[in-house]
Amino acid sequence: MRFPISFVAIFRTLACLGLFLALYLQAFAASATAGQANIFIYHRFGEARYPSTNIALDVFSAQLRELREGDYSVLPLGEVVDRLRSGDPLPERCACLTVDDAFRSFLSGAMPLLRRHGFPVTLFVNTDAVGTPGYLDWDELRALAREGVEIGNHSASHAYLVENLPGEDDKAWRERVGGDLIRAQRQLERELGGTSRLFAYPYGEYSPGLLEVVRDLGFSGAAAQQSGVAAHGADLFTLPRFPMGGAYATLEGFRDKLAMRHLAVKVVSPVSPIIGAEDPPVLIVEIPVGEVDLSRLRCFVQGQGEARISRDPAAPGRFRVQALQLLSGRRNKYTLTAPSLDGRRWYWFSQLWVRRGTVER
């Protein structure tokens, strides 16, 4: 049976449109990961006596194999920050490995595996601890720097920097905290040469005032510890990192976090993660309509389960989020997740909360 030429033309046009659509969706799926980096934070390697911050060496080795076999581009944090700042694209499957505190097990446990795969890593050093029991010394750090390990500033004292000391006003706090960071910076420069451009907040804690201190000292970016994905347009001084310690230090968890996408959240209020009089705190956010399935937006609270989410009827992308109970611990998080419109990908954002005046390591 022969169709009129008009039908043949229509069929050919539809076929071309189908091919075009398939190619477009393929390109869109690839571009969904361009412009973002999934950053991970580690502390100890093969030190089972410190379970909350440790990762077993066989698990870490399996995670590195996952990166290799998955054809991920692993970049040092400095390059990620530079690209995010300049607007230059990141690789489609981009990961970043960071380590805090410079414990000895980084050299003995992590580095042989990193060398085997040829992956870069960024190490944040709190300088007062260098050479003390359990920590790397300056000779070892110099050798690592010569080998290509990127080394950043993790403060001198590794103190709770968001805290004011008794009787300390904000001016005195700023001078003390700024002096702590400068002291670490000068020692890193004196011992290792060059200038460290990156900072990592001790315990992942930050406040608007601390962000201002870090910016004023000329750092190009700062890493926190709330989980999430770094992306173009995000604040370079509150870079999220997925923790890989304790219960989170698994291959399955690593795969899940590698697959996460950046949830574009604008925090309307509050301006600070420091918990004030309102506990549990109320979080007001705006999320672009059309990027994810907002009908399936969920918020999970550390130690509780799901939080209450209410949508602003006058603003389709605005939400009010609040936990159902008082937050536990010194640090807590609201973690927002939502699937893509087709349900094939998941998007992630975490809001840090810090309660001053308590101690939690």
Protein backbone atom coordinates (compact mmCIF):
# COMPACT_ATOMS: atom_id res chain seq x y z
CA MET A 1 0.00 0.00 0.00
CA ARG A 2 1.37 3.42 -0.97
CA PHE A 3 0.59 6.51 1.03
CA PRO A 4 0.28 9.87 -0.67
CA ILE A 5 3.48 11.87 -0.65
CA SER A 6 2.05 14.17 1.99
CA PHE A 7 1.80 11.27 4.45
CA VAL A 8 5.34 10.13 3.65
CA ALA A 9 6.58 13.63 4.30
CA ILE A 10 4.70 13.75 7.59
CA PHE A 11 6.12 10.42 8.70
CA ARG A 12 9.63 11.53 7.83
CA THR A 13 9.13 14.78 9.69
CA LEU A 14 7.86 12.96 12.76
CA ALA A 15 10.81 10.58 12.62
CA CYS A 16 13.21 13.52 12.46
CA LEU A 17 11.42 15.19 15.34
CA GLY A 18 11.65 11.97 17.36
CA LEU A 19 15.37 11.72 16.71
CA PHE A 20 15.81 15.39 17.59
CA LEU A 21 13.85 14.95 20.81
CA ALA A 22 15.88 11.90 21.80
CA LEU A 23 19.12 13.75 21.19
CA TYR A 24 17.82 16.76 23.09
CA LEU A 25 16.82 14.69 26.10
CA GLN A 26 20.18 12.94 26.05
CA ALA A 27 21.97 16.28 25.97
CA PHE A 28 19.71 17.61 28.74
CA ALA A 29 20.44 14.60 30.94
CA ALA A 30 24.16 15.13 30.45
CA SER A 31 23.95 18.87 31.05
CA ALA A 32 22.03 18.27 34.29
CA THR A 33 25.31 17.35 35.92
CA ALA A 34 27.43 19.99 34.15
CA GLY A 35 28.00 23.03 36.29
CA GLN A 36 27.96 21.09 39.53
CA ALA A 37 30.42 19.17 41.68
CA ASN A 38 29.66 16.50 44.27
CA ILE A 39 32.15 17.19 47.06
CA PHE A 40 32.97 14.67 49.79
CA ILE A 41 34.59 15.16 53.18
CA TYR A 42 36.70 12.58 55.02
CA HIS A 43 38.63 12.66 58.30
CA ARG A 44 40.16 9.32 59.33
CA PHE A 45 41.07 6.24 57.32
CA GLY A 46 41.20 2.75 58.81
CA GLU A 47 40.92 4.00 62.40
CA ALA A 48 38.01 1.96 63.69
CA ARG A 49 38.44 3.27 67.25
CA TYR A 50 37.06 6.61 66.00
CA PRO A 51 33.86 5.34 64.37
CA SER A 52 32.05 8.64 63.83
CA THR A 53 34.77 10.13 61.61
CA ASN A 54 36.38 7.00 60.17
CA ILE A 55 36.05 5.15 56.88
CA ALA A 56 37.30 1.61 56.44
CA LEU A 57 40.10 1.34 53.90
CA ASP A 58 38.34 -1.33 51.84
CA VAL A 59 35.29 0.94 51.56
CA PHE A 60 37.41 3.92 50.56
CA SER A 61 39.17 1.78 47.97
CA ALA A 62 35.80 0.67 46.57
CA GLN A 63 34.65 4.31 46.38
CA LEU A 64 37.72 5.24 44.35
CA ARG A 65 37.08 2.33 42.01
CA GLU A 66 33.53 3.61 41.60
CA LEU A 67 34.91 6.96 40.49
CA ARG A 68 37.31 5.31 38.06
CA GLU A 69 34.83 2.85 36.58
CA GLY A 70 32.12 5.51 36.40
CA ASP A 71 34.43 7.78 34.39
CA TYR A 72 34.15 10.64 36.87
CA SER A 73 36.40 13.66 36.60
CA VAL A 74 37.94 14.19 40.04
CA LEU A 75 39.12 17.76 40.54
CA PRO A 76 40.89 19.51 43.42
CA LEU A 77 38.62 21.87 45.30
CA GLY A 78 40.59 24.91 44.18
CA GLU A 79 39.83 24.18 40.55
CA VAL A 80 36.15 23.61 41.34
CA VAL A 81 35.99 26.99 43.10
CA ASP A 82 37.80 28.73 40.24
CA ARG A 83 35.39 27.33 37.66
CA LEU A 84 32.33 28.14 39.73
CA ARG A 85 33.59 31.68 40.23
CA SER A 86 34.45 32.30 36.57
CA GLY A 87 31.42 30.53 35.14
CA ASP A 88 33.60 28.05 33.27
CA PRO A 89 31.86 24.68 32.86
CA LEU A 90 32.66 21.74 35.07
CA PRO A 91 32.91 18.20 33.70
CA GLU A 92 29.57 16.42 33.32
CA ARG A 93 30.43 13.92 36.09
CA CYS A 94 32.51 15.91 38.53
CA ALA A 95 33.58 14.82 42.01
CA CYS A 96 35.90 16.35 44.57
CA LEU A 97 37.63 14.65 47.52
CA THR A 98 38.50 16.69 50.62
CA VAL A 99 40.00 15.67 53.96
CA ASP A 100 39.94 17.68 57.20
CA ASP A 101 42.42 17.79 60.11
CA ALA A 102 45.50 16.04 58.58
CA PHE A 103 45.44 12.96 60.79
CA ARG A 104 48.30 10.51 60.26
CA SER A 105 45.97 7.94 58.74
CA PHE A 106 45.53 10.21 55.72
CA LEU A 107 49.16 9.54 54.77
CA SER A 108 49.26 5.88 55.75
CA GLY A 109 45.79 4.84 54.66
CA ALA A 110 44.34 7.20 52.04
CA MET A 111 47.35 8.32 50.05
CA PRO A 112 48.47 4.88 48.78
CA LEU A 113 44.96 4.38 47.35
CA LEU A 114 44.78 7.89 45.90
CA ARG A 115 48.20 7.43 44.27
CA ARG A 116 47.08 4.14 42.75
CA HIS A 117 44.18 5.87 41.00
CA GLY A 118 45.94 9.17 40.34
CA PHE A 119 43.17 11.22 41.97
CA PRO A 120 43.80 14.69 43.40
CA VAL A 121 42.76 15.54 46.95
CA THR A 122 42.43 18.68 49.06
CA LEU A 123 43.71 18.49 52.66
CA PHE A 124 42.68 21.08 55.26
CA VAL A 125 45.19 21.60 58.08
CA ASN A 126 44.62 23.08 61.53
CA THR A 127 48.13 24.28 62.18
CA ASP A 128 48.33 24.13 66.00
CA ALA A 129 47.88 20.35 65.81
CA VAL A 130 50.66 19.72 63.27
CA GLY A 131 53.29 17.39 64.70
CA THR A 132 51.29 16.50 67.81
CA PRO A 133 50.34 12.86 68.48
CA GLY A 134 48.05 11.50 65.79
CA TYR A 135 48.69 14.33 63.31
CA LEU A 136 51.07 14.75 60.38
CA ASP A 137 54.17 16.86 60.88
CA TRP A 138 55.50 19.65 58.68
CA ASP A 139 58.04 17.45 56.87
CA GLU A 140 55.25 15.08 55.87
CA LEU A 141 52.99 17.94 54.81
CA ARG A 142 55.80 19.45 52.72
CA ALA A 143 56.29 16.11 50.96
CA LEU A 144 52.57 15.85 50.28
CA ALA A 145 52.48 19.40 48.89
CA ARG A 146 55.40 18.61 46.57
CA GLU A 147 53.48 15.53 45.44
CA GLY A 148 50.56 17.73 44.40
CA VAL A 149 48.20 17.50 47.37
CA GLU A 150 46.29 20.78 47.64
CA ILE A 151 46.51 22.09 51.20
CA GLY A 152 44.04 24.54 52.71
CA ASN A 153 43.55 26.51 55.91
CA HIS A 154 41.47 24.88 58.66
CA SER A 155 42.28 27.57 61.26
CA ALA A 156 45.08 27.41 63.81
CA SER A 157 43.13 26.37 66.90
CA HIS A 158 40.24 24.37 65.40
CA ALA A 159 37.99 26.15 67.90
CA TYR A 160 34.26 26.82 67.83
CA LEU A 161 34.78 30.00 65.84
CA VAL A 162 31.13 31.11 65.85
CA GLU A 163 31.25 31.47 69.65
CA ASN A 164 31.92 34.72 71.51
CA LEU A 165 34.03 34.20 74.61
CA PRO A 166 32.56 35.39 77.93
CA GLY A 167 32.51 39.18 77.94
CA GLU A 168 33.69 39.38 74.33
CA ASP A 169 31.89 41.86 72.08
CA ASP A 170 31.63 41.46 68.33
CA LYS A 171 34.66 43.66 67.61
CA ALA A 172 36.87 41.64 69.95
CA TRP A 173 35.44 38.40 68.53
CA ARG A 174 36.29 39.50 64.99
CA GLU A 175 39.86 40.40 65.97
CA ARG A 176 40.39 37.10 67.77
CA VAL A 177 38.92 34.92 65.03
CA GLY A 178 40.66 36.85 62.26
CA GLY A 179 43.93 36.54 64.16
CA ASP A 180 43.45 32.77 64.45
CA LEU A 181 42.99 32.40 60.68
CA ILE A 182 45.88 34.75 59.90
CA ARG A 183 48.19 32.83 62.26
CA ALA A 184 47.35 29.58 60.46
CA GLN A 185 47.77 31.23 57.07
CA ARG A 186 51.21 32.61 57.90
CA GLN A 187 52.41 29.28 59.24
CA LEU A 188 51.19 27.45 56.16
CA GLU A 189 52.99 29.98 53.96
CA ARG A 190 56.16 29.80 56.04
CA GLU A 191 56.29 26.01 56.15
CA LEU A 192 54.88 25.08 52.74
CA GLY A 193 55.39 28.16 50.57
CA GLY A 194 52.69 29.73 48.44
CA THR A 195 49.38 31.05 49.67
CA SER A 196 46.43 28.93 50.69
CA ARG A 197 43.30 30.19 48.92
CA LEU A 198 40.83 27.80 50.54
CA PHE A 199 39.35 27.61 54.01
CA ALA A 200 37.31 24.93 55.79
CA TYR A 201 35.22 25.85 58.82
CA PRO A 202 36.07 23.83 61.95
CA TYR A 203 33.16 21.46 62.63
CA GLY A 204 31.52 22.92 59.51
CA GLU A 205 30.11 25.80 61.57
CA TYR A 206 29.67 29.26 60.07
CA SER A 207 27.73 32.45 60.66
CA PRO A 208 27.28 35.64 58.59
CA GLY A 209 30.01 37.31 60.64
CA LEU A 210 32.46 34.45 60.14
CA LEU A 211 31.75 34.42 56.39
CA GLU A 212 32.61 38.10 56.29
CA VAL A 213 35.90 37.51 58.12
CA VAL A 214 36.87 34.74 55.68
CA ARG A 215 35.98 36.86 52.64
CA ASP A 216 37.85 39.88 54.00
CA LEU A 217 41.01 37.79 54.45
CA GLY A 218 41.05 37.10 50.71
CA PHE A 219 40.13 33.42 50.53
CA SER A 220 38.56 32.35 47.25
CA GLY A 221 36.14 29.88 48.80
CA ALA A 222 35.26 28.07 52.02
CA ALA A 223 33.97 24.56 52.66
CA ALA A 224 31.36 23.68 55.27
CA GLN A 225 29.97 20.29 56.25
CA GLN A 226 26.25 20.48 55.50
CA SER A 227 25.50 17.97 52.77
CA GLY A 228 24.61 18.97 49.24
CA VAL A 229 25.96 19.64 45.77
CA ALA A 230 28.03 22.68 44.78
CA ALA A 231 26.86 24.44 41.63
CA HIS A 232 27.13 27.63 39.61
CA GLY A 233 25.38 30.48 41.35
CA ALA A 234 25.78 29.02 44.85
CA ASP A 235 27.65 30.77 47.68
CA LEU A 236 31.33 29.88 47.36
CA PHE A 237 31.83 30.49 51.08
CA THR A 238 29.35 27.85 52.27
CA LEU A 239 30.29 25.03 49.93
CA PRO A 240 28.43 21.84 50.90
CA ARG A 241 30.19 18.51 51.31
CA PHE A 242 28.75 15.03 51.74
CA PRO A 243 30.23 13.41 54.89
CA MET A 244 31.94 10.06 54.52
CA GLY A 245 32.40 8.95 58.11
CA GLY A 246 30.63 6.59 60.47
CA ALA A 247 27.28 5.32 59.24
CA TYR A 248 27.59 7.40 56.06
CA ALA A 249 30.89 5.80 55.01
CA THR A 250 29.56 3.11 52.70
CA LEU A 251 29.88 2.35 49.01
CA GLU A 252 26.10 2.44 48.59
CA GLY A 253 25.86 5.84 50.27
CA PHE A 254 28.69 7.13 48.12
CA ARG A 255 26.92 6.01 44.94
CA ASP A 256 23.70 7.66 46.08
CA LYS A 257 25.47 10.97 46.80
CA LEU A 258 27.30 10.86 43.46
CA ALA A 259 23.92 10.66 41.75
CA MET A 260 22.47 13.65 43.61
CA ARG A 261 21.79 16.93 41.82
CA HIS A 262 21.89 20.47 43.09
CA LEU A 263 18.53 21.69 44.36
CA ALA A 264 18.40 25.41 43.57
CA VAL A 265 17.18 26.78 46.88
CA LYS A 266 17.10 30.45 47.81
CA VAL A 267 16.94 30.90 51.56
CA VAL A 268 14.59 33.79 52.29
CA SER A 269 14.95 33.53 56.07
CA PRO A 270 16.64 33.29 58.45
CA VAL A 271 19.87 35.00 57.42
CA SER A 272 21.93 32.97 59.89
CA PRO A 273 22.15 29.26 60.71
CA ILE A 274 22.62 30.12 64.39
CA ILE A 275 19.52 29.00 66.30
CA GLY A 276 17.89 31.89 68.11
CA ALA A 277 14.82 32.05 70.32
CA GLU A 278 12.75 30.00 67.89
CA ASP A 279 13.43 26.28 68.26
CA PRO A 280 12.69 24.41 66.11
CA PRO A 281 13.61 27.16 63.65
CA VAL A 282 11.43 28.11 60.70
CA LEU A 283 13.07 28.02 57.28
CA ILE A 284 11.54 29.97 54.40
CA VAL A 285 12.86 29.00 50.97
CA GLU A 286 12.12 29.64 47.32
CA ILE A 287 12.66 26.94 44.69
CA PRO A 288 12.26 27.58 40.94
CA VAL A 289 9.03 26.15 39.58
CA GLY A 290 9.46 23.68 36.73
CA GLU A 291 12.90 22.32 37.62
CA VAL A 292 11.76 19.56 40.00
CA ASP A 293 8.54 17.92 41.13
CA LEU A 294 7.70 20.26 44.00
CA SER A 295 4.64 18.19 44.87
CA ARG A 296 7.09 15.57 46.16
CA LEU A 297 9.34 17.94 48.10
CA ARG A 298 10.35 16.46 51.45
CA CYS A 299 12.42 17.67 54.40
CA PHE A 300 14.24 15.33 56.76
CA VAL A 301 15.53 16.40 60.18
CA GLN A 302 18.54 14.79 61.76
CA GLY A 303 17.34 12.51 64.56
CA GLN A 304 13.62 13.08 63.92
CA GLY A 305 12.30 12.11 60.53
CA GLU A 306 10.25 14.38 58.30
CA ALA A 307 9.56 18.06 58.98
CA ARG A 308 6.39 19.96 58.22
CA ILE A 309 6.34 21.71 54.82
CA SER A 310 3.68 24.21 53.86
CA ARG A 311 3.40 25.93 50.49
CA ASP A 312 2.72 29.64 50.11
CA PRO A 313 -0.44 29.83 47.97
CA ALA A 314 0.52 33.32 46.79
CA ALA A 315 4.02 32.24 45.67
CA PRO A 316 4.12 28.78 44.01
CA GLY A 317 7.82 28.20 44.68
CA ARG A 318 7.90 29.45 48.28
CA PHE A 319 7.80 27.02 51.21
CA ARG A 320 7.77 27.20 54.99
CA VAL A 321 9.69 24.38 56.67
CA GLN A 322 9.81 23.54 60.38
CA ALA A 323 10.76 20.48 62.39
CA LEU A 324 8.11 18.93 64.60
CA GLN A 325 10.33 18.83 67.71
CA LEU A 326 13.20 20.77 69.26
CA LEU A 327 16.43 20.15 67.39
CA SER A 328 18.92 17.83 69.06
CA GLY A 329 22.65 18.37 69.47
CA ARG A 330 24.81 21.38 68.79
CA ARG A 331 24.57 20.96 65.01
CA ASN A 332 21.57 19.80 63.04
CA LYS A 333 20.24 20.04 59.49
CA TYR A 334 17.09 20.38 57.47
CA THR A 335 17.65 18.31 54.32
CA LEU A 336 15.34 19.06 51.40
CA THR A 337 14.99 16.55 48.58
CA ALA A 338 12.80 16.36 45.49
CA PRO A 339 12.79 14.24 42.32
CA SER A 340 13.02 15.52 38.79
CA LEU A 341 9.77 15.90 36.88
CA ASP A 342 10.35 12.54 35.18
CA GLY A 343 11.29 10.90 38.50
CA ARG A 344 14.69 9.73 37.24
CA ARG A 345 16.95 12.02 39.30
CA TRP A 346 16.99 13.39 42.83
CA TYR A 347 17.90 16.88 43.99
CA TRP A 348 19.33 17.77 47.40
CA PHE A 349 19.85 20.78 49.67
CA SER A 350 20.77 20.99 53.37
CA GLN A 351 20.36 23.91 55.74
CA LEU A 352 22.79 23.94 58.67
CA TRP A 353 21.65 24.82 62.20
CA VAL A 354 24.06 25.59 65.06
CA ARG A 355 23.18 25.98 68.73
CA ARG A 356 25.80 28.06 70.50
CA GLY A 357 26.92 27.29 74.02
CA THR A 358 27.06 23.51 73.72
CA VAL A 359 29.94 21.19 72.89
CA GLU A 360 29.72 18.46 70.25
CA ARG A 361 32.63 17.12 68.27
